[in-house]
Protein backbone atom coordinates (compact mmCIF):
# COMPACT_ATOMS: atom_id res chain seq x y z
CA MET A 1 8.28 59.09 -4.42
CA LEU A 2 7.11 61.23 -1.52
CA SER A 3 3.94 63.25 -1.67
CA GLU A 4 3.62 66.58 0.01
CA CYS A 5 0.78 67.09 2.48
CA ARG A 6 0.07 70.30 4.29
CA LEU A 7 -2.41 71.16 7.01
CA GLN A 8 -4.48 74.20 6.23
CA PRO A 9 -4.86 76.84 8.96
CA SER A 10 -8.16 76.60 10.77
CA ALA A 11 -10.72 79.24 9.92
CA THR A 12 -11.25 79.75 13.67
CA VAL A 13 -7.64 80.84 14.22
CA SER A 14 -7.04 84.52 13.58
CA ALA A 15 -4.30 85.80 11.29
CA GLU A 16 -2.56 87.27 14.35
CA GLN A 17 -2.55 83.87 16.06
CA GLN A 18 -1.19 82.23 12.90
CA ALA A 19 1.56 84.87 12.65
CA GLY A 20 2.38 84.44 16.34
CA ARG A 21 2.75 80.68 15.92
CA HIS A 22 4.99 81.18 12.90
CA LEU A 23 7.20 83.56 14.87
CA GLY A 24 7.28 81.30 17.94
CA ILE A 25 5.21 83.67 20.07
CA ALA A 26 3.18 81.85 22.73
CA ASN A 27 -0.57 82.32 22.50
CA HIS A 28 -2.26 81.59 25.79
CA ASP A 29 -5.75 82.01 24.31
CA HIS A 30 -5.34 78.96 22.07
CA GLU A 31 -6.49 75.76 23.73
CA VAL A 32 -4.73 72.53 22.73
CA THR A 33 -7.29 70.18 21.20
CA SER A 34 -7.38 66.39 20.94
CA ALA A 35 -6.61 66.79 17.22
CA ASP A 36 -3.50 68.85 18.09
CA GLU A 37 -2.33 66.13 20.48
CA LEU A 38 -2.99 63.43 17.88
CA PHE A 39 -0.98 65.32 15.26
CA VAL A 40 2.00 65.77 17.58
CA ASN A 41 1.97 62.10 18.63
CA LEU A 42 1.32 60.58 15.19
CA ASP A 43 3.13 62.72 12.60
CA GLY A 44 6.61 61.30 12.01
CA ALA A 45 5.87 57.96 13.72
CA VAL A 46 7.65 54.99 12.14
CA LEU A 47 5.85 51.69 11.50
CA GLU A 48 7.73 48.56 10.47
CA ASN A 49 6.34 45.84 8.21
CA ASP A 50 8.09 43.17 6.12
CA GLY A 51 11.47 44.84 6.62
CA GLN A 52 10.26 48.25 5.48
CA ARG A 53 10.09 51.32 7.68
CA TRP A 54 7.02 53.45 6.95
CA THR A 55 6.97 57.06 8.15
CA VAL A 56 3.55 58.47 8.98
CA GLU A 57 2.81 61.93 7.60
CA VAL A 58 -0.47 63.41 8.87
CA CYS A 59 -2.23 65.27 6.07
CA GLY A 60 -5.49 66.14 7.80
CA ILE A 61 -7.71 65.52 10.79
CA HIS A 62 -11.41 66.13 10.25
CA SER A 63 -14.21 65.76 12.77
CA ALA A 64 -18.00 65.71 12.59
CA GLY A 65 -19.75 65.13 15.89
CA GLN A 66 -18.15 62.13 17.57
CA ARG A 67 -16.60 60.76 14.33
CA HIS A 68 -13.10 61.62 13.13
CA TRP A 69 -11.23 61.00 9.88
CA ILE A 70 -7.43 61.04 9.90
CA GLN A 71 -5.76 61.34 6.51
CA VAL A 72 -2.17 60.13 6.38
CA THR A 73 0.52 59.34 3.86
CA LEU A 74 2.72 56.33 4.66
CA ASN A 75 6.17 56.86 3.16
CA ALA A 76 8.73 54.12 2.47
CA ASP A 77 9.96 52.80 -0.90
CA ASP A 78 6.29 53.13 -1.83
CA CYS A 79 3.91 55.90 -0.84
CA CYS A 80 0.35 55.13 0.29
CA GLY A 81 -2.49 57.45 1.17
CA VAL A 82 -4.81 56.13 3.85
CA THR A 83 -7.84 57.57 5.62
CA VAL A 84 -8.77 56.15 9.02
CA SER A 85 -12.25 56.67 10.45
CA THR A 86 -12.51 56.44 14.23
CA ASP A 87 -14.43 57.65 17.24
CA ARG A 88 -11.22 58.10 19.32
CA LEU A 89 -8.39 60.53 18.62
CA ALA A 90 -5.70 58.33 20.18
CA ALA A 91 -2.33 58.07 18.44
CA ALA A 92 -1.65 54.54 19.74
CA ASN A 93 -4.99 53.37 18.35
CA ILE A 94 -4.33 54.95 14.93
CA ARG A 95 -0.77 53.52 14.79
CA SER A 96 -2.21 50.07 15.55
CA VAL A 97 -4.86 50.40 12.82
CA LEU A 98 -2.21 51.52 10.30
CA ALA A 99 0.18 48.70 11.27
CA ASP A 100 -2.61 46.13 10.88
CA TRP A 101 -3.55 47.63 7.52
CA LEU A 102 0.07 47.44 6.32
CA LYS A 103 0.26 43.77 7.34
CA SER A 104 -2.92 42.93 5.43
CA SER A 105 -1.99 45.06 2.38
CA SER A 106 1.68 44.23 1.99
CA HIS A 107 1.44 42.61 -1.45
CA LEU A 108 2.14 44.71 -4.54
CA TYR A 109 0.68 43.58 -7.85
CA ASP A 110 2.18 45.38 -10.85
CA ALA A 111 2.80 48.42 -8.62
CA ALA A 112 -0.94 48.73 -7.92
CA ARG A 113 -2.47 48.49 -4.47
CA VAL A 114 -5.78 49.28 -2.85
CA VAL A 115 -4.83 52.04 -0.40
CA SER A 116 -8.14 52.95 1.14
CA ALA A 117 -11.46 51.27 1.69
CA ALA A 118 -14.52 52.34 3.62
CA HIS A 119 -17.59 50.62 4.95
CA ALA A 120 -20.51 51.87 6.98
């Protein structure tokens, strides 16, 4: 079962800029951010674990100061929602964290699994 995640348009992007993007019109006033680069390099990535191929679907990237939270859905035969907290918006780093998490969380018990945990 696949879940549907959508990124919401940023409040700082005007309606004209949103319409231009939708129509494929280049907007030279819009600066590419680290979050944009992360999205392009992470969304659709495939991670392999225990013979399963998990496709990464980026649902959101949120930042506060120097801390970032990346919300993803990992899609395979199962579907898992995971939030990664990091101080670096680097796709390779996030892929590594997700792959390590899959390795440590690969056991299903009655179709239930802890999909996200946080600590300070």
